[in-house]
C-alpha atoms as a PDB file:
ATOM      1  CA  MET A   1      95.173 -36.842  17.675  1.00  0.00           C
ATOM      2  CA  ASP A   2      96.728 -33.488  16.868  1.00  0.00           C
ATOM      3  CA  SER A   3      98.191 -34.892  13.673  1.00  0.00           C
ATOM      4  CA  ILE A   4      94.742 -36.028  12.484  1.00  0.00           C
ATOM      5  CA  ARG A   5      92.933 -32.709  12.902  1.00  0.00           C
ATOM      6  CA  PRO A   6      94.654 -30.911   9.980  1.00  0.00           C
ATOM      7  CA  GLY A   7      93.613 -33.754   7.685  1.00  0.00           C
ATOM      8  CA  ARG A   8      90.028 -33.513   8.807  1.00  0.00           C
ATOM      9  CA  PHE A   9      90.133 -29.739   8.385  1.00  0.00           C
ATOM     10  CA  ALA A  10      91.524 -30.113   4.880  1.00  0.00           C
ATOM     11  CA  SER A  11      88.942 -32.751   3.955  1.00  0.00           C
ATOM     12  CA  ARG A  12      86.143 -30.429   5.022  1.00  0.00           C
ATOM     13  CA  HIS A  13      87.534 -27.685   2.805  1.00  0.00           C
ATOM     14  CA  VAL A  14      87.830 -30.099  -0.084  1.00  0.00           C
ATOM     15  CA  THR A  15      84.224 -31.191   0.414  1.00  0.00           C
ATOM     16  CA  SER A  16      83.006 -27.573   0.546  1.00  0.00           C
ATOM     17  CA  ALA A  17      84.989 -26.725  -2.573  1.00  0.00           C
ATOM     18  CA  ALA A  18      83.533 -29.756  -4.359  1.00  0.00           C
ATOM     19  CA  LEU A  19      79.992 -28.763  -3.437  1.00  0.00           C
ATOM     20  CA  GLY A  20      80.608 -25.196  -4.565  1.00  0.00           C
ATOM     21  CA  LEU A  21      82.047 -26.416  -7.862  1.00  0.00           C
ATOM     22  CA  ALA A  22      79.022 -28.693  -8.326  1.00  0.00           C
ATOM     23  CA  PHE A  23      76.645 -25.773  -7.821  1.00  0.00           C
ATOM     24  CA  LEU A  24      78.618 -23.651 -10.258  1.00  0.00           C
ATOM     25  CA  LEU A  25      78.515 -26.417 -12.850  1.00  0.00           C
ATOM     26  CA  LEU A  26      74.770 -26.842 -12.331  1.00  0.00           C
ATOM     27  CA  PHE A  27      74.231 -23.096 -12.744  1.00  0.00           C
ATOM     28  CA  ALA A  28      76.391 -23.038 -15.855  1.00  0.00           C
ATOM     29  CA  ALA A  29      74.518 -26.004 -17.309  1.00  0.00           C
ATOM     30  CA  THR A  30      71.179 -24.309 -16.634  1.00  0.00           C
ATOM     31  CA  ALA A  31      72.375 -21.096 -18.241  1.00  0.00           C
ATOM     32  CA  ALA A  32      73.697 -23.016 -21.233  1.00  0.00           C
ATOM     33  CA  ALA A  33      70.408 -24.846 -21.595  1.00  0.00           C
ATOM     34  CA  ASP A  34      68.513 -21.547 -21.509  1.00  0.00           C
ATOM     35  CA  GLY A  35      70.801 -20.095 -24.159  1.00  0.00           C
ATOM     36  CA  GLY A  36      69.653 -16.638 -25.138  1.00  0.00           C
ATOM     37  CA  ASP A  37      66.383 -16.923 -23.183  1.00  0.00           C
ATOM     38  CA  ALA A  38      67.938 -14.902 -20.358  1.00  0.00           C
ATOM     39  CA  VAL A  39      67.746 -11.805 -22.586  1.00  0.00           C
ATOM     40  CA  ILE A  40      63.952 -11.819 -22.236  1.00  0.00           C
ATOM     41  CA  ARG A  41      63.314 -11.517 -18.524  1.00  0.00           C
ATOM     42  CA  GLY A  42      59.520 -11.496 -18.743  1.00  0.00           C
ATOM     43  CA  ALA A  43      56.672 -11.439 -21.233  1.00  0.00           C
ATOM     44  CA  ARG A  44      53.009 -10.639 -20.681  1.00  0.00           C
ATOM     45  CA  VAL A  45      50.004 -10.363 -22.967  1.00  0.00           C
ATOM     46  CA  ARG A  46      48.081  -7.115 -22.849  1.00  0.00           C
ATOM     47  CA  ALA A  47      44.781  -7.867 -24.510  1.00  0.00           C
ATOM     48  CA  PRO A  48      43.661  -7.414 -27.103  1.00  0.00           C
ATOM     49  CA  HIS A  49      46.590  -6.546 -29.419  1.00  0.00           C
ATOM     50  CA  HIS A  50      49.750  -6.014 -27.353  1.00  0.00           C
ATOM     51  CA  LEU A  51      52.598  -8.051 -25.893  1.00  0.00           C
ATOM     52  CA  ARG A  52      55.025  -6.472 -23.412  1.00  0.00           C
ATOM     53  CA  LEU A  53      58.588  -7.777 -23.103  1.00  0.00           C
ATOM     54  CA  GLU A  54      61.014  -7.028 -20.285  1.00  0.00           C
ATOM     55  CA  LEU A  55      64.612  -7.376 -21.489  1.00  0.00           C
ATOM     56  CA  THR A  56      67.837  -7.596 -19.531  1.00  0.00           C
ATOM     57  CA  ARG A  57      69.480  -5.234 -22.012  1.00  0.00           C
ATOM     58  CA  PRO A  58      68.166  -2.898 -24.722  1.00  0.00           C
ATOM     59  CA  ALA A  59      67.045  -4.463 -27.989  1.00  0.00           C
ATOM     60  CA  SER A  60      69.439  -3.899 -30.892  1.00  0.00           C
ATOM     61  CA  SER A  61      66.604  -3.075 -33.264  1.00  0.00           C
ATOM     62  CA  LEU A  62      62.951  -2.096 -32.869  1.00  0.00           C
ATOM     63  CA  ASP A  63      62.152  -3.290 -36.360  1.00  0.00           C
ATOM     64  CA  PRO A  64      59.132  -5.672 -36.291  1.00  0.00           C
ATOM     65  CA  ALA A  65      61.185  -8.047 -38.438  1.00  0.00           C
ATOM     66  CA  ASN A  66      63.527  -8.500 -35.454  1.00  0.00           C
ATOM     67  CA  PHE A  67      60.729 -10.255 -33.544  1.00  0.00           C
ATOM     68  CA  ARG A  68      58.702 -13.374 -34.294  1.00  0.00           C
ATOM     69  CA  LEU A  69      55.532 -14.258 -32.410  1.00  0.00           C
ATOM     70  CA  THR A  70      53.671 -17.550 -32.822  1.00  0.00           C
ATOM     71  CA  ASP A  71      50.749 -19.282 -31.184  1.00  0.00           C
ATOM     72  CA  ALA A  72      51.717 -22.465 -29.339  1.00  0.00           C
ATOM     73  CA  ARG A  73      48.909 -24.279 -31.161  1.00  0.00           C
ATOM     74  CA  ALA A  74      50.278 -23.208 -34.563  1.00  0.00           C
ATOM     75  CA  PRO A  75      54.067 -22.740 -34.186  1.00  0.00           C
ATOM     76  CA  ASP A  76      54.662 -22.588 -37.948  1.00  0.00           C
ATOM     77  CA  VAL A  77      52.300 -19.648 -38.542  1.00  0.00           C
ATOM     78  CA  PRO A  78      53.791 -16.347 -37.334  1.00  0.00           C
ATOM     79  CA  ILE A  79      51.521 -13.631 -35.994  1.00  0.00           C
ATOM     80  CA  GLU A  80      52.053 -10.368 -37.879  1.00  0.00           C
ATOM     81  CA  ILE A  81      53.652  -7.676 -35.706  1.00  0.00           C
ATOM     82  CA  ARG A  82      52.470  -4.198 -36.598  1.00  0.00           C
ATOM     83  CA  SER A  83      54.877  -2.073 -34.554  1.00  0.00           C
ATOM     84  CA  VAL A  84      57.445  -2.199 -31.735  1.00  0.00           C
ATOM     85  CA  VAL A  85      57.721   0.659 -29.227  1.00  0.00           C
ATOM     86  CA  ALA A  86      60.392   1.100 -26.551  1.00  0.00           C
ATOM     87  CA  GLU A  87      59.109   1.718 -23.021  1.00  0.00           C
ATOM     88  CA  GLU A  88      60.681   2.705 -19.726  1.00  0.00           C
ATOM     89  CA  GLY A  89      63.789   0.733 -18.877  1.00  0.00           C
ATOM     90  CA  ASN A  90      64.553  -2.089 -21.275  1.00  0.00           C
ATOM     91  CA  ALA A  91      60.916  -2.973 -21.937  1.00  0.00           C
ATOM     92  CA  VAL A  92      59.377  -3.031 -25.404  1.00  0.00           C
ATOM     93  CA  LEU A  93      55.724  -3.169 -26.433  1.00  0.00           C
ATOM     94  CA  LEU A  94      54.722  -5.194 -29.477  1.00  0.00           C
ATOM     95  CA  GLU A  95      51.471  -4.412 -31.297  1.00  0.00           C
ATOM     96  CA  VAL A  96      49.997  -7.192 -33.451  1.00  0.00           C
ATOM     97  CA  ASN A  97      47.158  -7.339 -35.948  1.00  0.00           C
ATOM     98  CA  ASP A  98      45.487 -10.442 -34.514  1.00  0.00           C
ATOM     99  CA  ARG A  99      43.630 -10.514 -31.244  1.00  0.00           C
ATOM    100  CA  LEU A 100      45.666 -12.059 -28.422  1.00  0.00           C
ATOM    101  CA  ASP A 101      44.134 -14.273 -25.761  1.00  0.00           C
ATOM    102  CA  PRO A 102      45.632 -13.699 -22.274  1.00  0.00           C
ATOM    103  CA  SER A 103      44.820 -17.294 -21.308  1.00  0.00           C
ATOM    104  CA  ALA A 104      46.566 -18.826 -24.362  1.00  0.00           C
ATOM    105  CA  ALA A 105      50.235 -19.812 -24.794  1.00  0.00           C
ATOM    106  CA  TYR A 106      52.581 -18.057 -27.238  1.00  0.00           C
ATOM    107  CA  ARG A 107      56.291 -18.061 -28.147  1.00  0.00           C
ATOM    108  CA  ILE A 108      58.273 -14.888 -28.799  1.00  0.00           C
ATOM    109  CA  GLU A 109      61.666 -14.958 -30.541  1.00  0.00           C
ATOM    110  CA  MET A 110      64.268 -12.246 -31.149  1.00  0.00           C
ATOM    111  CA  LEU A 111      66.941 -12.262 -33.838  1.00  0.00           C
ATOM    112  CA  ASP A 112      69.334  -9.671 -32.394  1.00  0.00           C
ATOM    113  CA  PRO A 113      70.186 -10.407 -29.647  1.00  0.00           C
ATOM    114  CA  ALA A 114      69.174 -14.020 -30.120  1.00  0.00           C
ATOM    115  CA  ALA A 115      66.553 -14.977 -27.539  1.00  0.00           C
ATOM    116  CA  ALA A 116      63.310 -16.915 -27.193  1.00  0.00           C
ATOM    117  CA  ARG A 117      60.703 -17.303 -24.475  1.00  0.00           C
ATOM    118  CA  ASP A 118      57.391 -19.049 -23.955  1.00  0.00           C
ATOM    119  CA  VAL A 119      54.557 -16.751 -22.902  1.00  0.00           C
ATOM    120  CA  ARG A 120      52.123 -18.474 -20.587  1.00  0.00           C
ATOM    121  CA  PRO A 121      49.769 -17.126 -17.919  1.00  0.00           C
ATOM    122  CA  ALA A 122      50.395 -18.141 -14.330  1.00  0.00           C
ATOM    123  CA  PRO A 123      48.427 -21.260 -13.276  1.00  0.00           C
ATOM    124  CA  TRP A 124      46.827 -19.438 -10.349  1.00  0.00           C
ATOM    125  CA  ALA A 125      45.688 -16.675 -12.705  1.00  0.00           C
ATOM    126  CA  LEU A 126      44.041 -19.205 -14.999  1.00  0.00           C
ATOM    127  CA  LEU A 127      42.211 -20.858 -12.107  1.00  0.00           C
ATOM    128  CA  LEU A 128      41.092 -17.502 -10.734  1.00  0.00           C
ATOM    129  CA  THR A 129      39.831 -16.547 -14.189  1.00  0.00           C
ATOM    130  CA  VAL A 130      37.835 -19.775 -14.459  1.00  0.00           C
ATOM    131  CA  VAL A 131      36.224 -19.203 -11.047  1.00  0.00           C
ATOM    132  CA  LEU A 132      35.304 -15.570 -11.667  1.00  0.00           C
ATOM    133  CA  SER A 133      34.207 -16.179 -15.244  1.00  0.00           C
ATOM    134  CA  SER A 134      31.847 -19.025 -14.326  1.00  0.00           C
ATOM    135  CA  ALA A 135      30.457 -17.051 -11.376  1.00  0.00           C
ATOM    136  CA  LEU A 136      29.957 -13.665 -13.067  1.00  0.00           C
ATOM    137  CA  ILE A 137      30.714 -13.456 -16.786  1.00  0.00           C
ATOM    138  CA  ASN A 138      29.133 -16.789 -17.761  1.00  0.00           C
ATOM    139  CA  ASN A 139      26.702 -17.199 -14.868  1.00  0.00           C
ATOM    140  CA  PHE A 140      24.653 -20.305 -15.644  1.00  0.00           C
ATOM    141  CA  VAL A 141      21.380 -18.718 -14.507  1.00  0.00           C
ATOM    142  CA  PHE A 142      21.585 -15.188 -15.893  1.00  0.00           C
ATOM    143  CA  THR A 143      23.570 -15.801 -19.085  1.00  0.00           C
ATOM    144  CA  ARG A 144      22.783 -19.440 -19.984  1.00  0.00           C
ATOM    145  CA  TYR A 145      19.337 -19.707 -18.346  1.00  0.00           C
ATOM    146  CA  LEU A 146      19.985 -23.100 -16.744  1.00  0.00           C
ATOM    147  CA  GLY A 147      18.629 -24.390 -13.432  1.00  0.00           C
ATOM    148  CA  LEU A 148      15.562 -22.125 -13.507  1.00  0.00           C
ATOM    149  CA  CYS A 149      13.230 -24.641 -11.825  1.00  0.00           C
ATOM    150  CA  VAL A 150      15.165 -24.625  -8.555  1.00  0.00           C
ATOM    151  CA  PHE A 151      16.012 -20.944  -9.015  1.00  0.00           C
ATOM    152  CA  PHE A 152      12.371 -19.786  -9.072  1.00  0.00           C
ATOM    153  CA  GLY A 153      11.165 -22.358  -6.564  1.00  0.00           C
ATOM    154  CA  VAL A 154      13.595 -21.645  -3.716  1.00  0.00           C
ATOM    155  CA  SER A 155      14.144 -17.899  -4.101  1.00  0.00           C
ATOM    156  CA  ARG A 156      11.020 -16.745  -2.239  1.00  0.00           C
ATOM    157  CA  LYS A 157      12.743 -16.485   1.156  1.00  0.00           C
ATOM    158  CA  ARG A 158      16.276 -15.294   1.811  1.00  0.00           C
ATOM    159  CA  ASP A 159      17.238 -17.863   4.461  1.00  0.00           C
ATOM    160  CA  THR A 160      16.012 -20.736   2.299  1.00  0.00           C
ATOM    161  CA  ALA A 161      17.869 -19.350  -0.719  1.00  0.00           C
ATOM    162  CA  ILE A 162      21.139 -19.006   1.223  1.00  0.00           C
ATOM    163  CA  SER A 163      20.994 -22.545   2.607  1.00  0.00           C
ATOM    164  CA  MET A 164      20.080 -23.973  -0.806  1.00  0.00           C
ATOM    165  CA  GLY A 165      22.880 -22.010  -2.475  1.00  0.00           C
ATOM    166  CA  ILE A 166      25.475 -23.408  -0.067  1.00  0.00           C
ATOM    167  CA  THR A 167      24.138 -26.937  -0.421  1.00  0.00           C
ATOM    168  CA  PHE A 168      23.991 -26.621  -4.195  1.00  0.00           C
ATOM    169  CA  ALA A 169      27.618 -25.455  -4.328  1.00  0.00           C
ATOM    170  CA  VAL A 170      28.750 -28.388  -2.159  1.00  0.00           C
ATOM    171  CA  VAL A 171      26.861 -30.907  -4.319  1.00  0.00           C
ATOM    172  CA  MET A 172      28.258 -29.221  -7.425  1.00  0.00           C
ATOM    173  CA  ILE A 173      31.878 -29.539  -6.281  1.00  0.00           C
ATOM    174  CA  LEU A 174      31.526 -33.122  -5.029  1.00  0.00           C
ATOM    175  CA  SER A 175      29.692 -34.323  -8.141  1.00  0.00           C
ATOM    176  CA  ALA A 176      32.149 -32.583 -10.469  1.00  0.00           C
ATOM    177  CA  MET A 177      35.205 -34.106  -8.792  1.00  0.00           C
ATOM    178  CA  LEU A 178      33.688 -37.599  -8.535  1.00  0.00           C
ATOM    179  CA  SER A 179      32.571 -37.422 -12.157  1.00  0.00           C
ATOM    180  CA  TRP A 180      36.032 -36.240 -13.212  1.00  0.00           C
ATOM    181  CA  GLY A 181      37.661 -39.152 -11.388  1.00  0.00           C
ATOM    182  CA  LEU A 182      35.308 -41.719 -12.929  1.00  0.00           C
ATOM    183  CA  PHE A 183      35.677 -40.216 -16.394  1.00  0.00           C
ATOM    184  CA  THR A 184      39.471 -39.953 -16.250  1.00  0.00           C
ATOM    185  CA  PHE A 185      40.396 -43.218 -14.575  1.00  0.00           C
ATOM    186  CA  VAL A 186      37.529 -45.530 -15.539  1.00  0.00           C
ATOM    187  CA  MET A 187      35.458 -44.398 -18.527  1.00  0.00           C
ATOM    188  CA  ALA A 188      38.243 -43.000 -20.717  1.00  0.00           C
ATOM    189  CA  PRO A 189      40.626 -46.014 -20.368  1.00  0.00           C
ATOM    190  CA  LEU A 190      37.742 -48.461 -20.942  1.00  0.00           C
ATOM    191  CA  LYS A 191      36.383 -46.374 -23.866  1.00  0.00           C
ATOM    192  CA  LEU A 192      33.014 -45.863 -22.171  1.00  0.00           C
ATOM    193  CA  LYS A 193      32.729 -42.136 -22.807  1.00  0.00           C
ATOM    194  CA  PHE A 194      29.313 -42.603 -24.440  1.00  0.00           C
ATOM    195  CA  LEU A 195      27.912 -43.480 -20.985  1.00  0.00           C
ATOM    196  CA  GLN A 196      28.963 -40.193 -19.405  1.00  0.00           C
ATOM    197  CA  ILE A 197      25.455 -38.715 -19.054  1.00  0.00           C
ATOM    198  CA  ILE A 198      24.108 -41.841 -17.333  1.00  0.00           C
ATOM    199  CA  VAL A 199      27.134 -42.103 -15.040  1.00  0.00           C
ATOM    200  CA  PHE A 200      27.060 -38.404 -14.143  1.00  0.00           C
ATOM    201  CA  ILE A 201      23.341 -38.544 -13.317  1.00  0.00           C
ATOM    202  CA  GLY A 202      24.023 -41.563 -11.110  1.00  0.00           C
ATOM    203  CA  VAL A 203      26.767 -39.707  -9.247  1.00  0.00           C
ATOM    204  CA  VAL A 204      24.519 -36.692  -8.618  1.00  0.00           C
ATOM    205  CA  ALA A 205      21.594 -38.921  -7.600  1.00  0.00           C
ATOM    206  CA  PHE A 206      23.799 -40.716  -5.082  1.00  0.00           C
ATOM    207  CA  LEU A 207      24.965 -37.436  -3.528  1.00  0.00           C
ATOM    208  CA  VAL A 208      21.465 -35.927  -3.405  1.00  0.00           C
ATOM    209  CA  GLN A 209      19.992 -39.075  -1.879  1.00  0.00           C
ATOM    210  CA  ALA A 210      22.703 -39.068   0.768  1.00  0.00           C
ATOM    211  CA  LEU A 211      22.034 -35.377   1.440  1.00  0.00           C
ATOM    212  CA  ASP A 212      18.281 -36.023   1.652  1.00  0.00           C
ATOM    213  CA  THR A 213      18.815 -38.774   4.224  1.00  0.00           C
ATOM    214  CA  ILE A 214      21.173 -36.620   6.305  1.00  0.00           C
ATOM    215  CA  LEU A 215      18.799 -33.626   6.322  1.00  0.00           C
ATOM    216  CA  LYS A 216      15.870 -35.791   7.376  1.00  0.00           C
ATOM    217  CA  LYS A 217      17.836 -36.849  10.440  1.00  0.00           C
ATOM    218  CA  THR A 218      19.486 -33.542  11.331  1.00  0.00           C
ATOM    219  CA  HIS A 219      17.424 -30.609   9.913  1.00  0.00           C
ATOM    220  CA  LYS A 220      13.823 -31.672   9.413  1.00  0.00           C
ATOM    221  CA  SER A 221      12.481 -28.119   9.123  1.00  0.00           C
ATOM    222  CA  LEU A 222      14.965 -27.223   6.403  1.00  0.00           C
ATOM    223  CA  HIS A 223      14.175 -30.472   4.585  1.00  0.00           C
ATOM    224  CA  GLN A 224      10.459 -29.613   4.627  1.00  0.00           C
ATOM    225  CA  ARG A 225      11.057 -26.084   3.339  1.00  0.00           C
ATOM    226  CA  TRP A 226      13.081 -27.343   0.376  1.00  0.00           C
ATOM    227  CA  GLY A 227      10.535 -30.025  -0.404  1.00  0.00           C
ATOM    228  CA  VAL A 228      10.641 -31.417  -3.916  1.00  0.00           C
ATOM    229  CA  TYR A 229      13.315 -28.932  -5.038  1.00  0.00           C
ATOM    230  CA  LEU A 230      15.956 -30.897  -3.161  1.00  0.00           C
ATOM    231  CA  MET A 231      15.328 -33.935  -5.353  1.00  0.00           C
ATOM    232  CA  LEU A 232      15.248 -31.739  -8.459  1.00  0.00           C
ATOM    233  CA  ILE A 233      18.972 -31.119  -7.927  1.00  0.00           C
ATOM    234  CA  THR A 234      19.494 -34.622  -9.330  1.00  0.00           C
ATOM    235  CA  THR A 235      18.475 -33.578 -12.839  1.00  0.00           C
ATOM    236  CA  ASN A 236      19.422 -29.914 -12.573  1.00  0.00           C
ATOM    237  CA  CYS A 237      20.934 -28.599 -15.784  1.00  0.00           C
ATOM    238  CA  ILE A 238      23.833 -26.853 -14.047  1.00  0.00           C
ATOM    239  CA  ILE A 239      24.801 -29.923 -12.017  1.00  0.00           C
ATOM    240  CA  LEU A 240      25.026 -31.947 -15.233  1.00  0.00           C
ATOM    241  CA  ALA A 241      26.565 -29.178 -17.339  1.00  0.00           C
ATOM    242  CA  VAL A 242      29.737 -28.835 -15.259  1.00  0.00           C
ATOM    243  CA  PRO A 243      30.889 -32.503 -15.512  1.00  0.00           C
ATOM    244  CA  LEU A 244      29.955 -32.569 -19.201  1.00  0.00           C
ATOM    245  CA  LEU A 245      31.972 -29.405 -19.888  1.00  0.00           C
ATOM    246  CA  ASN A 246      34.945 -30.804 -17.980  1.00  0.00           C
ATOM    247  CA  ALA A 247      34.745 -34.073 -19.903  1.00  0.00           C
ATOM    248  CA  ALA A 248      34.462 -32.316 -23.264  1.00  0.00           C
ATOM    249  CA  ALA A 249      37.477 -30.095 -22.510  1.00  0.00           C
ATOM    250  CA  GLU A 250      39.423 -32.976 -20.876  1.00  0.00           C
ATOM    251  CA  SER A 251      40.158 -30.666 -17.962  1.00  0.00           C
ATOM    252  CA  GLY A 252      42.523 -31.521 -15.156  1.00  0.00           C
ATOM    253  CA  PRO A 253      41.526 -31.729 -11.480  1.00  0.00           C
ATOM    254  CA  ALA A 254      42.357 -28.079 -10.760  1.00  0.00           C
ATOM    255  CA  GLU A 255      40.385 -26.752 -13.734  1.00  0.00           C
ATOM    256  CA  SER A 256      37.444 -29.041 -12.922  1.00  0.00           C
ATOM    257  CA  PHE A 257      37.404 -27.860  -9.315  1.00  0.00           C
ATOM    258  CA  ALA A 258      37.628 -24.203 -10.384  1.00  0.00           C
ATOM    259  CA  LEU A 259      34.698 -24.525 -12.802  1.00  0.00           C
ATOM    260  CA  ALA A 260      32.568 -26.347 -10.213  1.00  0.00           C
ATOM    261  CA  LEU A 261      33.406 -23.803  -7.512  1.00  0.00           C
ATOM    262  CA  GLY A 262      32.681 -20.827  -9.754  1.00  0.00           C
ATOM    263  CA  SER A 263      29.412 -22.324 -11.023  1.00  0.00           C
ATOM    264  CA  GLY A 264      28.245 -23.140  -7.499  1.00  0.00           C
ATOM    265  CA  VAL A 265      29.126 -19.668  -6.232  1.00  0.00           C
ATOM    266  CA  GLY A 266      27.405 -18.109  -9.248  1.00  0.00           C
ATOM    267  CA  PHE A 267      24.207 -20.052  -8.570  1.00  0.00           C
ATOM    268  CA  ALA A 268      24.336 -19.081  -4.884  1.00  0.00           C
ATOM    269  CA  ILE A 269      24.756 -15.410  -5.846  1.00  0.00           C
ATOM    270  CA  ALA A 270      21.807 -15.646  -8.237  1.00  0.00           C
ATOM    271  CA  LEU A 271      19.606 -17.214  -5.540  1.00  0.00           C
ATOM    272  CA  PHE A 272      20.598 -14.617  -2.957  1.00  0.00           C
ATOM    273  CA  LEU A 273      19.971 -11.626  -5.230  1.00  0.00           C
ATOM    274  CA  MET A 274      16.640 -13.007  -6.413  1.00  0.00           C
ATOM    275  CA  SER A 275      15.452 -13.799  -2.880  1.00  0.00           C
ATOM    276  CA  CYS A 276      16.315 -10.278  -1.699  1.00  0.00           C
ATOM    277  CA  ALA A 277      14.353  -8.747  -4.582  1.00  0.00           C
ATOM    278  CA  ARG A 278      11.336 -11.029  -4.129  1.00  0.00           C
ATOM    279  CA  GLU A 279      11.145 -10.261  -0.409  1.00  0.00           C
ATOM    280  CA  LYS A 280      11.048  -6.548  -1.249  1.00  0.00           C
ATOM    281  CA  LEU A 281       8.258  -7.197  -3.762  1.00  0.00           C
ATOM    282  CA  GLU A 282       6.023  -8.534  -1.009  1.00  0.00           C
ATOM    283  CA  LEU A 283       5.763  -4.952   0.296  1.00  0.00           C
ATOM    284  CA  ALA A 284       5.261  -3.428  -3.166  1.00  0.00           C
ATOM    285  CA  ARG A 285       2.044  -2.895  -5.113  1.00  0.00           C
ATOM    286  CA  VAL A 286       2.335  -5.340  -7.956  1.00  0.00           C
ATOM    287  CA  PRO A 287      -0.464  -5.346 -10.575  1.00  0.00           C
ATOM    288  CA  ALA A 288      -2.627  -8.446 -10.450  1.00  0.00           C
ATOM    289  CA  ALA A 289      -1.512  -9.530 -13.922  1.00  0.00           C
ATOM    290  CA  PHE A 290       2.154  -9.558 -12.811  1.00  0.00           C
ATOM    291  CA  GLN A 291       1.812 -11.237  -9.446  1.00  0.00           C
ATOM    292  CA  GLY A 292       3.605 -14.560  -8.960  1.00  0.00           C
ATOM    293  CA  LEU A 293       5.816 -15.952 -11.710  1.00  0.00           C
ATOM    294  CA  PRO A 294       5.363 -13.035 -14.198  1.00  0.00           C
ATOM    295  CA  ILE A 295       7.058 -10.535 -11.899  1.00  0.00           C
ATOM    296  CA  ALA A 296       9.658 -13.168 -10.982  1.00  0.00           C
ATOM    297  CA  PHE A 297      10.539 -13.637 -14.667  1.00  0.00           C
ATOM    298  CA  THR A 298      10.708  -9.852 -15.057  1.00  0.00           C
ATOM    299  CA  LEU A 299      13.154  -9.631 -12.156  1.00  0.00           C
ATOM    300  CA  ALA A 300      15.258 -12.451 -13.617  1.00  0.00           C
ATOM    301  CA  GLY A 301      15.388 -10.589 -16.931  1.00  0.00           C
ATOM    302  CA  LEU A 302      16.564  -7.410 -15.200  1.00  0.00           C
ATOM    303  CA  PHE A 303      19.281  -9.339 -13.362  1.00  0.00           C
ATOM    304  CA  ALA A 304      20.320 -10.950 -16.646  1.00  0.00           C
ATOM    305  CA  LEU A 305      20.644  -7.491 -18.222  1.00  0.00           C
ATOM    306  CA  ALA A 306      22.777  -6.378 -15.272  1.00  0.00           C
ATOM    307  CA  PHE A 307      25.048  -9.427 -15.557  1.00  0.00           C
ATOM    308  CA  MET A 308      25.534  -8.708 -19.251  1.00  0.00           C
ATOM    309  CA  GLY A 309      27.717  -5.839 -18.076  1.00  0.00           C
ATOM    310  CA  PHE A 310      30.368  -8.428 -17.185  1.00  0.00           C
ATOM    311  CA  SER A 311      30.560  -9.611 -20.806  1.00  0.00           C
ATOM    312  CA  GLY A 312      34.015  -9.102 -22.274  1.00  0.00           C
ATOM    313  CA  LEU A 313      35.596  -8.586 -18.856  1.00  0.00           C
ATOM    314  CA  THR A 314      39.114 -10.061 -18.682  1.00  0.00           C
ATOM    315  CA  PHE A 315      40.951 -10.916 -15.453  1.00  0.00           C
ATOM    316  CA  LEU A 316      44.256 -11.795 -17.164  1.00  0.00           C
ATOM    317  CA  ARG A 317      46.350  -8.791 -18.195  1.00  0.00           C
END
């Protein structure tokens, strides 16, 4: 037994050495595949006209001709670089003539030292941007004026508006994901895209009918307060707009979910704000000519003006 132990000990060392050599070879192969990309440690778009590069070592030249920037959608058309400025550390800041989109993909190349890198925003940043943009910047009610029938009908009382906003968001997410699945796996392969409006309305009608049946059994008072506006969700413009936008853009499941979530949250915010304002108006002296829908439309216009302040806001930097 004693004579066997040294062999086992040696075999373990050989195995460890082999594994270490394999890792070194894998690292070397990865580095060789990257080539000069390791020179550019990071790249980030600073809208609207700047691109910041973090280098592992100082650039040999700050001449704009030493850099080449292209849009991923048009790789053969370089974007003109106006100037290159050195920043703290080994970072450089490129200023371009064209407007850069933080959510788009670009490719930056250096001549000396030779390096190249793809510039893409993080996936989580894109999804967060979609959610916040659809909820605030492009709110369907205050910027696109969709879904106004339910908006004006259910925003008289705060508790009704909150419950409808939550329900609307749930129906929005479920209908968007079901519509995306049907469009991606059934309609697109069978070339039935021209039926998307009919199919999407059927999906929403199924969900609303199921919700109507459940509320009748569990929350009769809430079902009576919503009344006809619950069934109007079936043909609501926002409910139909989200699946149609996802189908037109051929969005993936994450993007579809983000748009549905942001749109549902945006509608819930609009209902809540409007209900709070209309409850305050009940204690105010409103002229007879403005009572009812006229003052409600005036409030909606003021909220729309307030939400215009989000226009141009960018969450990707």
